[in-house]
Each structure stands twice: as structure tokens, then as C-alpha cells.
Amino acid sequence: MALVLTEEQSMLRDSARGLISDKAPVSHLRHLRDSKDPTGFSKEFWHSFAEMGFAGLLVPEEFGGSGLGYVEAGVVMEEIGRTLMPSPFLATSVIAASALNRGGNAAQKSEYLPRIASGSLLATLAIDEGAKHRPLQTNLQAVRAGNGFKLSGAKALVVDGHVADLLILAARTGGTAGEREGLTLFLVNPAAKGVAIERTIMVDAHNAARIELANVEVNADSVLGEVDQGAALLDGVLDIGRGAVAAEMVGLSEEVFNRTVEYLKNRKQFGKLIGEFQALQHRAAELYVDIEITRAATMKALQALDTDVAKATSAVAVAKARAGTTATRAVQEGVQMHGGMGMTDQFDIGFFMKRARVCEELFGDANYHTEQLARARGY
């Protein structure tokens, strides 16, 4: 399969780029940060985003969505990465929508997917409990009680958890931390008794939350998928999220590269444009090649997800690991080539560096995915 966009996908990219660059440039994120906005994103813009059909990109047409694929979601994520746009798109429209579409029963899909497509429902996945991404270390307990379960435990780094209308929680209904068996996904109302949510603004000025649950009661209808068999569903949903984040980092990397090249063309030192120095030209050329290879790896991963999510794990691991290292290199080169001003808050490059660091950790860093690949190959 060719690693290039189709005509329709290119049109989607142009549409997303026009809207996002116009309504949510980097200055938009700066304003939200400096004004200490309690939501952390523009609700007005999110509704406009949804009206354009982006919120329901992965929602099947029968539930009011566009019924498109993960390559298309990656196209939008790449444009989001170019401007660092804060929005619930990743948490709600990519991860939660995929979880419900892949694991939900007819009633769950009918209740939630149309609202996700319209932009009226925000949802998120709550998985990690420690400082690093380790899904199998889930220890939040789900104990059977009456016709349902009682959930007790805590989650950290829940993307957009403070504004979510629906939480998709990974809990342990059996086994012990580290085991695949015994994981179950639950749909939880954040307003339920016993749920406590604390907003945590990440270093990149994007949103996350800590969530604590104390004997939160849910009924059997709140189970997403099968009891004790949630690992496979969770694997697929996380891989979809990882592919989307990799695409965001491609957009981020290319934007930093373009800004840096523009600076090299205009900044003079010792009476010459610094872009004339061969050492900087070589570094820029190497970064360009790195970004293009990463773009191809990410496209390959998204295509693999569209073909068969269960068989896309290795391709996604390669894309996520490479996108993380490429984004890190891009922002480091950007800061260095901009000199001392690259480190100042008034300059936008710092925002890209911080976002790259968060995306690198989100759903597993390069070390995590390299280890996963090694295990898959029996090393």
C-alpha cells in the first residue's frame, strides 16, 4: 500500500489545516495558559470543530459519524500537532470512540456514539496509575457487589479527565498487577458518588487529571466488553491512541523544522545568514530526512490499524518509538539553532519542546515500545 495520502485524505488535511491554523494557532494555547482558563480548551471552537464533522470522524455513519479510518484520524492529529491545539479530539474522538465502537454493545453504542459525533459528550480513557505507562500494572480493584461492582483505586495522567462526561476505566476484576487476565473496562459517570477528580495542568499547558474512586458502585451494564477479558480490547484501543499521538508528533516535528529553517534563512551572524553555514545545513538536512522516515512509519502504522488492529502492534510500536525520538531531536535542534532566544518563554519553540516531551511519555515512550518489540521477537 502506498505511503501517501489519497485525494480525499488530502482534502481532509487541507480542511483541518485551514480551520485549526486560523482558529487555534500557538497563540491560542498561550492565551489559555496565561489566563488560567479553567477548561483548558475553547468550548466554542470545539463545537465548531464538531460541526465540521471532525468529532465524529471515527464514529460509524449509523451513529451520526463519518465512518472514516485511522489514517484520516492521523491526518487531523498531524494538523493538531502543528499548532499544539488543545482539544478533546484525542481523548474523546479517537480513543473513547474507538473503545466504544470496538467493545460496546448495541445499547452502549446507541447511547454514547451519537453524542460523541455531535461534540456534546466528552469521554476519556483512564489507564495509568504510576509515573510511567504500564497498562498491565493496573491495580484499581473492581469487586462484585449485588448486580454490579464496586470500584476502588486511583488513576493518574487521565487526558482531559477534568472535563469528561464519561470515564472509561481499566480495573482489575481478577488476577494481580502485571497479569493480562483479570482486566475489565468499565464505563463510569464522573459525577457518581465516590469519584474525586483533580485537574493537573501538564508542563505543556495541556490538560490531565488525577482520579480517585472510593467504593464507586456501577451495574453490570457498565462493563465495556467482557469481564476479565479486557486486555485484548485495551491493547487495541491503546495502539489506536499511540498511532494518533505518533501522527501528532510528526506534525509537531515538521512545524518546528519549518520554523527553524525560516529562522536560518533570516538570521545574520558575522555578516552572513546563519543558513549559509554548512554545519547547520547538514543538521537541517538530516532532520528533514528523519522526519520523512518517521512520517512513512506512522502512515504504515495507521494503515495497519485500518486493516486489522489486532495485527498492527509492531507497526504501531515502531511508529510511536520513532516519532518520540524524532520529535525530541526536532525540538532540541530548533532550540539550539535559535540560540539563547529559543529558551525564552516569549518564543514559541519552548511550547513545542514541552509538548514533545509529554507526547513521548503518553502511552509509552521509546524505551517502552523498543522493549515491547524485543519481547514480541523473543529477545
Protein backbone atom coordinates (compact mmCIF):
# COMPACT_ATOMS: atom_id res chain seq x y z
CA MET A 1 0.00 0.00 0.00
CA ALA A 2 1.39 3.41 -0.97
CA LEU A 3 2.52 5.54 1.96
CA VAL A 4 0.87 8.69 0.63
CA LEU A 5 -2.49 10.34 1.15
CA THR A 6 -5.35 9.82 -1.28
CA GLU A 7 -7.08 12.81 -2.88
CA GLU A 8 -9.89 12.62 -0.31
CA GLN A 9 -7.44 12.42 2.60
CA SER A 10 -5.52 15.40 1.22
CA MET A 11 -8.77 17.38 1.08
CA LEU A 12 -9.46 16.44 4.70
CA ARG A 13 -5.95 17.60 5.64
CA ASP A 14 -6.43 20.95 3.89
CA SER A 15 -9.79 21.46 5.58
CA ALA A 16 -8.40 20.68 9.03
CA ARG A 17 -5.30 22.79 8.46
CA GLY A 18 -7.32 25.81 7.39
CA LEU A 19 -9.64 25.66 10.38
CA ILE A 20 -7.01 24.86 13.02
CA SER A 21 -4.37 27.33 11.85
CA ASP A 22 -6.98 30.09 11.69
CA LYS A 23 -8.82 29.47 14.96
CA ALA A 24 -6.24 27.71 17.15
CA PRO A 25 -2.65 28.89 16.46
CA VAL A 26 0.02 28.54 19.13
CA SER A 27 -1.01 31.94 20.49
CA HIS A 28 -4.37 30.36 21.37
CA LEU A 29 -2.63 27.87 23.68
CA ARG A 30 -0.54 30.67 25.19
CA HIS A 31 -3.69 32.67 25.94
CA LEU A 32 -5.39 29.72 27.62
CA ARG A 33 -2.31 29.14 29.76
CA ASP A 34 -1.76 32.76 30.74
CA SER A 35 -5.44 33.35 31.54
CA LYS A 36 -5.54 30.17 33.65
CA ASP A 37 -8.60 29.05 31.75
CA PRO A 38 -10.48 26.51 33.94
CA THR A 39 -11.40 24.31 30.98
CA GLY A 40 -8.07 24.39 29.19
CA PHE A 41 -9.58 24.48 25.70
CA SER A 42 -12.14 26.54 23.82
CA LYS A 43 -15.61 25.01 24.07
CA GLU A 44 -16.80 27.36 21.34
CA PHE A 45 -14.11 26.17 18.96
CA TRP A 46 -14.76 22.54 19.89
CA HIS A 47 -18.39 22.93 18.84
CA SER A 48 -17.28 24.46 15.54
CA PHE A 49 -14.82 21.59 15.14
CA ALA A 50 -17.65 19.11 15.72
CA GLU A 51 -19.96 20.89 13.29
CA MET A 52 -17.30 20.37 10.61
CA GLY A 53 -17.59 16.61 11.27
CA PHE A 54 -14.20 16.11 12.93
CA ALA A 55 -15.56 14.96 16.32
CA GLY A 56 -17.34 12.03 14.66
CA LEU A 57 -14.54 11.08 12.30
CA LEU A 58 -14.27 7.50 13.63
CA VAL A 59 -17.94 7.10 14.57
CA PRO A 60 -19.87 4.84 12.15
CA GLU A 61 -22.38 6.58 9.90
CA GLU A 62 -25.29 4.77 11.56
CA PHE A 63 -24.50 6.68 14.76
CA GLY A 64 -24.14 10.07 13.11
CA GLY A 65 -20.42 9.99 12.34
CA SER A 66 -18.31 9.96 9.20
CA GLY A 67 -17.22 6.33 9.46
CA LEU A 68 -13.68 7.11 8.34
CA GLY A 69 -10.49 5.33 9.35
CA TYR A 70 -7.38 5.77 11.45
CA VAL A 71 -5.36 7.26 8.59
CA GLU A 72 -7.92 10.07 8.46
CA ALA A 73 -7.75 10.49 12.24
CA GLY A 74 -3.96 10.67 11.91
CA VAL A 75 -4.32 13.39 9.28
CA VAL A 76 -6.25 15.54 11.75
CA MET A 77 -3.86 14.73 14.60
CA GLU A 78 -0.92 15.85 12.46
CA GLU A 79 -2.58 19.22 11.91
CA ILE A 80 -3.30 19.50 15.64
CA GLY A 81 0.40 18.89 16.26
CA ARG A 82 1.36 21.82 14.02
CA THR A 83 -0.37 24.37 16.27
CA LEU A 84 -0.40 22.44 19.58
CA MET A 85 -4.16 22.86 19.62
CA PRO A 86 -5.63 21.85 22.99
CA SER A 87 -8.84 19.90 22.40
CA PRO A 88 -10.65 16.69 23.46
CA PHE A 89 -10.15 15.18 19.98
CA LEU A 90 -7.56 12.58 21.04
CA ALA A 91 -9.28 11.51 24.26
CA THR A 92 -12.86 11.61 23.00
CA SER A 93 -13.00 11.28 19.22
CA VAL A 94 -10.10 8.85 18.80
CA ILE A 95 -9.62 6.76 21.94
CA ALA A 96 -13.05 6.75 23.60
CA ALA A 97 -14.92 6.47 20.30
CA SER A 98 -12.73 3.53 19.29
CA ALA A 99 -13.19 1.81 22.66
CA LEU A 100 -16.97 2.11 22.44
CA ASN A 101 -17.12 1.13 18.78
CA ARG A 102 -14.89 -1.93 19.30
CA GLY A 103 -16.10 -3.11 22.71
CA GLY A 104 -19.53 -1.61 23.26
CA ASN A 105 -22.82 -3.45 22.98
CA ALA A 106 -25.71 -2.10 20.93
CA ALA A 107 -27.16 -0.10 23.83
CA GLN A 108 -23.82 1.47 24.76
CA LYS A 109 -23.07 2.45 21.18
CA SER A 110 -26.52 3.96 20.69
CA GLU A 111 -26.26 5.94 23.91
CA TYR A 112 -22.77 7.39 23.56
CA LEU A 113 -21.51 7.39 19.96
CA PRO A 114 -24.09 9.85 18.54
CA ARG A 115 -23.24 12.30 21.34
CA ILE A 116 -19.53 11.95 20.65
CA ALA A 117 -20.15 12.62 16.96
CA SER A 118 -22.13 15.77 17.76
CA GLY A 119 -19.48 17.03 20.15
CA SER A 120 -21.89 17.09 23.10
CA LEU A 121 -20.19 14.26 25.03
CA LEU A 122 -16.58 14.28 26.19
CA ALA A 123 -15.03 10.97 27.21
CA THR A 124 -11.60 9.70 28.15
CA LEU A 125 -9.66 6.54 28.98
CA ALA A 126 -8.22 6.22 32.48
CA ILE A 127 -5.48 3.61 32.48
CA ASP A 128 -2.16 4.51 34.15
CA GLU A 129 -1.70 4.51 37.91
CA GLY A 130 2.01 5.27 38.22
CA ALA A 131 4.60 7.64 36.84
CA LYS A 132 5.19 5.52 33.71
CA HIS A 133 2.89 3.87 31.18
CA ARG A 134 2.43 0.27 32.34
CA PRO A 135 -1.10 -0.95 31.41
CA LEU A 136 -0.72 -4.41 32.92
CA GLN A 137 0.21 -2.89 36.28
CA THR A 138 -3.42 -1.84 36.69
CA ASN A 139 -4.39 -2.38 40.31
CA LEU A 140 -7.66 -0.45 40.62
CA GLN A 141 -9.98 -3.01 42.18
CA ALA A 142 -13.44 -3.97 40.94
CA VAL A 143 -15.21 -6.16 43.47
CA ARG A 144 -18.53 -7.81 42.71
CA ALA A 145 -21.41 -6.32 44.67
CA GLY A 146 -25.06 -7.18 44.01
CA ASN A 147 -25.81 -6.78 40.31
CA GLY A 148 -22.59 -4.95 39.59
CA PHE A 149 -19.22 -3.92 41.01
CA LYS A 150 -17.61 -1.53 43.45
CA LEU A 151 -14.53 0.28 42.15
CA SER A 152 -11.74 1.48 44.42
CA GLY A 153 -8.35 2.89 43.49
CA ALA A 154 -6.74 5.79 41.64
CA LYS A 155 -5.69 6.82 38.13
CA ALA A 156 -3.09 9.36 37.03
CA LEU A 157 -2.45 11.34 33.84
CA VAL A 158 -6.02 10.97 32.61
CA VAL A 159 -6.09 13.15 29.49
CA ASP A 160 -8.92 15.71 29.73
CA GLY A 161 -10.27 13.84 32.74
CA HIS A 162 -11.42 17.05 34.45
CA VAL A 163 -13.96 17.84 31.69
CA ALA A 164 -15.04 14.30 30.78
CA ASP A 165 -18.72 13.36 30.88
CA LEU A 166 -17.77 9.68 30.68
CA LEU A 167 -14.79 7.78 32.06
CA ILE A 168 -13.59 4.51 30.57
CA LEU A 169 -11.67 2.89 33.40
CA ALA A 170 -9.42 -0.14 33.38
CA ALA A 171 -9.87 -2.13 36.58
CA ARG A 172 -8.85 -5.49 37.93
CA THR A 173 -11.68 -7.98 38.43
CA GLY A 174 -9.22 -10.83 38.84
CA GLY A 175 -5.54 -11.71 38.95
CA THR A 176 -2.81 -9.41 40.24
CA ALA A 177 -0.91 -6.41 38.90
CA GLY A 178 1.24 -7.44 35.94
CA GLU A 179 -1.10 -10.16 34.66
CA ARG A 180 -3.16 -9.93 31.45
CA GLU A 181 -6.02 -11.99 32.79
CA GLY A 182 -8.48 -10.23 35.04
CA LEU A 183 -8.61 -6.81 33.37
CA THR A 184 -12.03 -5.28 32.70
CA LEU A 185 -13.07 -1.94 31.23
CA PHE A 186 -15.90 0.00 32.86
CA LEU A 187 -18.00 3.00 31.82
CA VAL A 188 -18.21 5.34 34.81
CA ASN A 189 -20.09 8.58 35.33
CA PRO A 190 -17.59 11.09 36.80
CA ALA A 191 -20.42 12.59 38.83
CA ALA A 192 -21.07 9.27 40.60
CA LYS A 193 -20.74 9.10 44.37
CA GLY A 194 -17.21 8.27 45.44
CA VAL A 195 -15.45 9.74 42.36
CA ALA A 196 -12.99 12.55 43.09
CA ILE A 197 -11.26 14.37 40.21
CA GLU A 198 -8.36 16.79 40.46
CA ARG A 199 -7.25 18.73 37.40
CA THR A 200 -3.50 18.66 36.76
CA ILE A 201 -2.15 21.04 34.12
CA MET A 202 0.77 19.34 32.43
CA VAL A 203 4.09 21.02 31.66
CA ASP A 204 2.90 21.66 28.11
CA ALA A 205 -0.19 23.57 29.32
CA HIS A 206 -2.48 20.75 28.19
CA ASN A 207 -4.99 19.02 30.42
CA ALA A 208 -4.89 15.89 32.54
CA ALA A 209 -6.41 14.77 35.82
CA ARG A 210 -5.93 12.54 38.82
CA ILE A 211 -8.97 10.43 39.63
CA GLU A 212 -9.70 8.63 42.88
CA LEU A 213 -12.52 6.15 43.35
CA ALA A 214 -13.82 5.03 46.73
CA ASN A 215 -16.37 2.19 46.55
CA VAL A 216 -17.94 3.61 43.40
CA GLU A 217 -20.95 1.48 42.50
CA VAL A 218 -21.57 0.51 38.87
CA ASN A 219 -24.03 -2.01 37.48
CA ALA A 220 -23.29 -4.88 35.13
CA ASP A 221 -24.41 -2.78 32.15
CA SER A 222 -21.37 -0.55 32.74
CA VAL A 223 -18.93 -3.26 31.64
CA LEU A 224 -17.35 -2.50 28.28
CA GLY A 225 -16.59 -5.77 26.56
CA GLU A 226 -16.20 -8.95 28.64
CA VAL A 227 -15.43 -9.28 32.34
CA ASP A 228 -11.82 -10.43 32.96
CA GLN A 229 -11.10 -10.32 29.21
CA GLY A 230 -10.41 -6.62 28.74
CA ALA A 231 -6.70 -6.90 27.92
CA ALA A 232 -7.19 -7.55 24.20
CA LEU A 233 -9.69 -4.69 23.87
CA LEU A 234 -7.38 -2.41 25.83
CA ASP A 235 -4.39 -3.37 23.67
CA GLY A 236 -6.22 -2.35 20.51
CA VAL A 237 -7.53 0.91 21.93
CA LEU A 238 -4.09 1.89 23.23
CA ASP A 239 -2.48 1.09 19.88
CA ILE A 240 -5.02 3.37 18.19
CA GLY A 241 -4.13 6.12 20.65
CA ARG A 242 -0.42 5.55 20.09
CA GLY A 243 -0.81 5.81 16.33
CA ALA A 244 -2.70 9.08 16.77
CA VAL A 245 -0.07 10.53 19.10
CA ALA A 246 2.68 9.50 16.67
CA ALA A 247 0.86 11.44 13.94
CA GLU A 248 0.62 14.47 16.23
CA MET A 249 4.38 14.31 16.82
CA VAL A 250 5.00 14.19 13.06
CA GLY A 251 3.05 17.43 12.65
CA LEU A 252 4.84 18.95 15.63
CA SER A 253 8.26 17.96 14.26
CA GLU A 254 7.58 19.34 10.79
CA GLU A 255 6.31 22.64 12.17
CA VAL A 256 9.42 23.07 14.32
CA PHE A 257 11.58 22.19 11.32
CA ASN A 258 9.83 24.75 9.11
CA ARG A 259 10.15 27.47 11.75
CA THR A 260 13.81 26.66 12.24
CA VAL A 261 14.61 26.72 8.52
CA GLU A 262 12.85 30.06 8.20
CA TYR A 263 14.98 31.41 11.03
CA LEU A 264 18.16 30.10 9.36
CA LYS A 265 17.19 31.99 6.21
CA ASN A 266 16.76 35.31 8.01
CA ARG A 267 19.14 35.42 10.99
CA LYS A 268 22.53 37.03 10.32
CA GLN A 269 25.69 36.46 12.31
CA PHE A 270 29.22 37.60 11.50
CA GLY A 271 27.76 39.37 8.49
CA LYS A 272 26.29 36.20 6.98
CA LEU A 273 22.96 34.41 7.10
CA ILE A 274 23.44 31.52 9.52
CA GLY A 275 21.75 29.27 6.99
CA GLU A 276 24.86 29.63 4.86
CA PHE A 277 26.95 27.75 7.41
CA GLN A 278 27.42 24.23 6.12
CA ALA A 279 27.28 22.60 9.55
CA LEU A 280 23.76 23.95 10.11
CA GLN A 281 22.72 22.94 6.60
CA HIS A 282 23.82 19.36 7.29
CA ARG A 283 21.92 19.24 10.58
CA ALA A 284 18.78 20.60 8.93
CA ALA A 285 19.05 18.09 6.09
CA GLU A 286 19.46 15.17 8.48
CA LEU A 287 16.43 16.31 10.48
CA TYR A 288 14.34 16.58 7.31
CA VAL A 289 15.20 13.01 6.34
CA ASP A 290 14.43 11.82 9.88
CA ILE A 291 11.00 13.46 9.80
CA GLU A 292 10.12 11.95 6.41
CA ILE A 293 11.10 8.45 7.53
CA THR A 294 9.01 8.90 10.67
CA ARG A 295 6.07 10.11 8.59
CA ALA A 296 6.28 6.93 6.50
CA ALA A 297 6.47 4.71 9.60
CA THR A 298 3.45 6.47 11.10
CA MET A 299 1.45 6.17 7.89
CA LYS A 300 2.31 2.47 7.77
CA ALA A 301 1.09 2.04 11.35
CA LEU A 302 -2.19 3.85 10.69
CA GLN A 303 -2.80 1.79 7.56
CA ALA A 304 -2.11 -1.37 9.57
CA LEU A 305 -4.67 -0.25 12.16
CA ASP A 306 -7.25 0.26 9.41
CA THR A 307 -6.52 -3.22 8.06
CA ASP A 308 -6.52 -5.15 11.35
CA VAL A 309 -5.99 -3.53 14.75
CA ALA A 310 -5.00 -6.84 16.34
CA LYS A 311 -2.09 -7.28 13.92
CA ALA A 312 -0.85 -3.69 13.98
CA THR A 313 1.02 -3.78 17.29
CA SER A 314 4.55 -4.00 15.90
CA ALA A 315 3.99 -1.30 13.28
CA VAL A 316 2.48 0.99 15.91
CA ALA A 317 5.36 0.36 18.32
CA VAL A 318 7.88 1.32 15.63
CA ALA A 319 5.94 4.48 14.75
CA LYS A 320 5.43 5.62 18.34
CA ALA A 321 9.07 4.98 19.31
CA ARG A 322 10.45 6.68 16.22
CA ALA A 323 8.04 9.63 16.43
CA GLY A 324 9.13 10.24 20.01
CA THR A 325 12.84 10.29 19.21
CA THR A 326 12.27 12.40 16.07
CA ALA A 327 10.16 14.98 17.89
CA THR A 328 12.77 15.18 20.65
CA ARG A 329 15.52 15.73 18.11
CA ALA A 330 13.46 18.30 16.19
CA VAL A 331 12.76 20.48 19.23
CA GLN A 332 16.31 20.20 20.51
CA GLU A 333 17.70 21.25 17.14
CA GLY A 334 15.13 24.02 16.96
CA VAL A 335 16.10 25.46 20.32
CA GLN A 336 19.82 25.20 19.60
CA MET A 337 19.62 26.80 16.16
CA HIS A 338 17.54 29.66 17.54
CA GLY A 339 20.28 30.31 20.08
CA GLY A 340 19.54 31.77 23.52
CA MET A 341 16.18 33.20 22.45
CA GLY A 342 14.97 29.66 21.83
CA MET A 343 14.91 29.11 25.59
CA THR A 344 12.75 32.13 26.41
CA ASP A 345 9.04 31.78 27.17
CA GLN A 346 8.12 34.55 24.77
CA PHE A 347 9.35 32.36 21.92
CA ASP A 348 7.03 29.56 20.72
CA ILE A 349 9.68 26.86 20.29
CA GLY A 350 9.56 26.16 24.02
CA PHE A 351 5.88 25.20 23.74
CA PHE A 352 6.75 22.61 21.12
CA MET A 353 9.56 21.20 23.26
CA LYS A 354 7.23 20.73 26.22
CA ARG A 355 4.50 19.13 24.13
CA ALA A 356 7.03 16.77 22.53
CA ARG A 357 8.11 15.63 25.99
CA VAL A 358 4.54 14.89 27.06
CA CYS A 359 3.70 13.07 23.82
CA GLU A 360 6.84 10.98 24.19
CA GLU A 361 5.60 9.69 27.56
CA LEU A 362 1.94 9.38 26.58
CA PHE A 363 1.00 5.70 26.05
CA GLY A 364 4.62 4.60 26.31
CA ASP A 365 7.97 6.18 25.47
CA ALA A 366 10.58 4.89 23.01
CA ASN A 367 12.13 2.60 25.63
CA TYR A 368 8.76 1.03 26.39
CA HIS A 369 7.99 0.27 22.76
CA THR A 370 11.51 -0.94 21.99
CA GLU A 371 11.15 -3.39 24.85
CA GLN A 372 7.74 -4.50 23.58
CA LEU A 373 9.20 -5.17 20.13
CA ALA A 374 12.07 -7.14 21.61
CA ARG A 375 9.70 -9.31 23.63
CA ALA A 376 7.48 -9.90 20.61
CA ARG A 377 10.50 -11.23 18.75
CA GLY A 378 11.62 -13.43 21.63
CA TYR A 379 14.72 -11.48 22.59
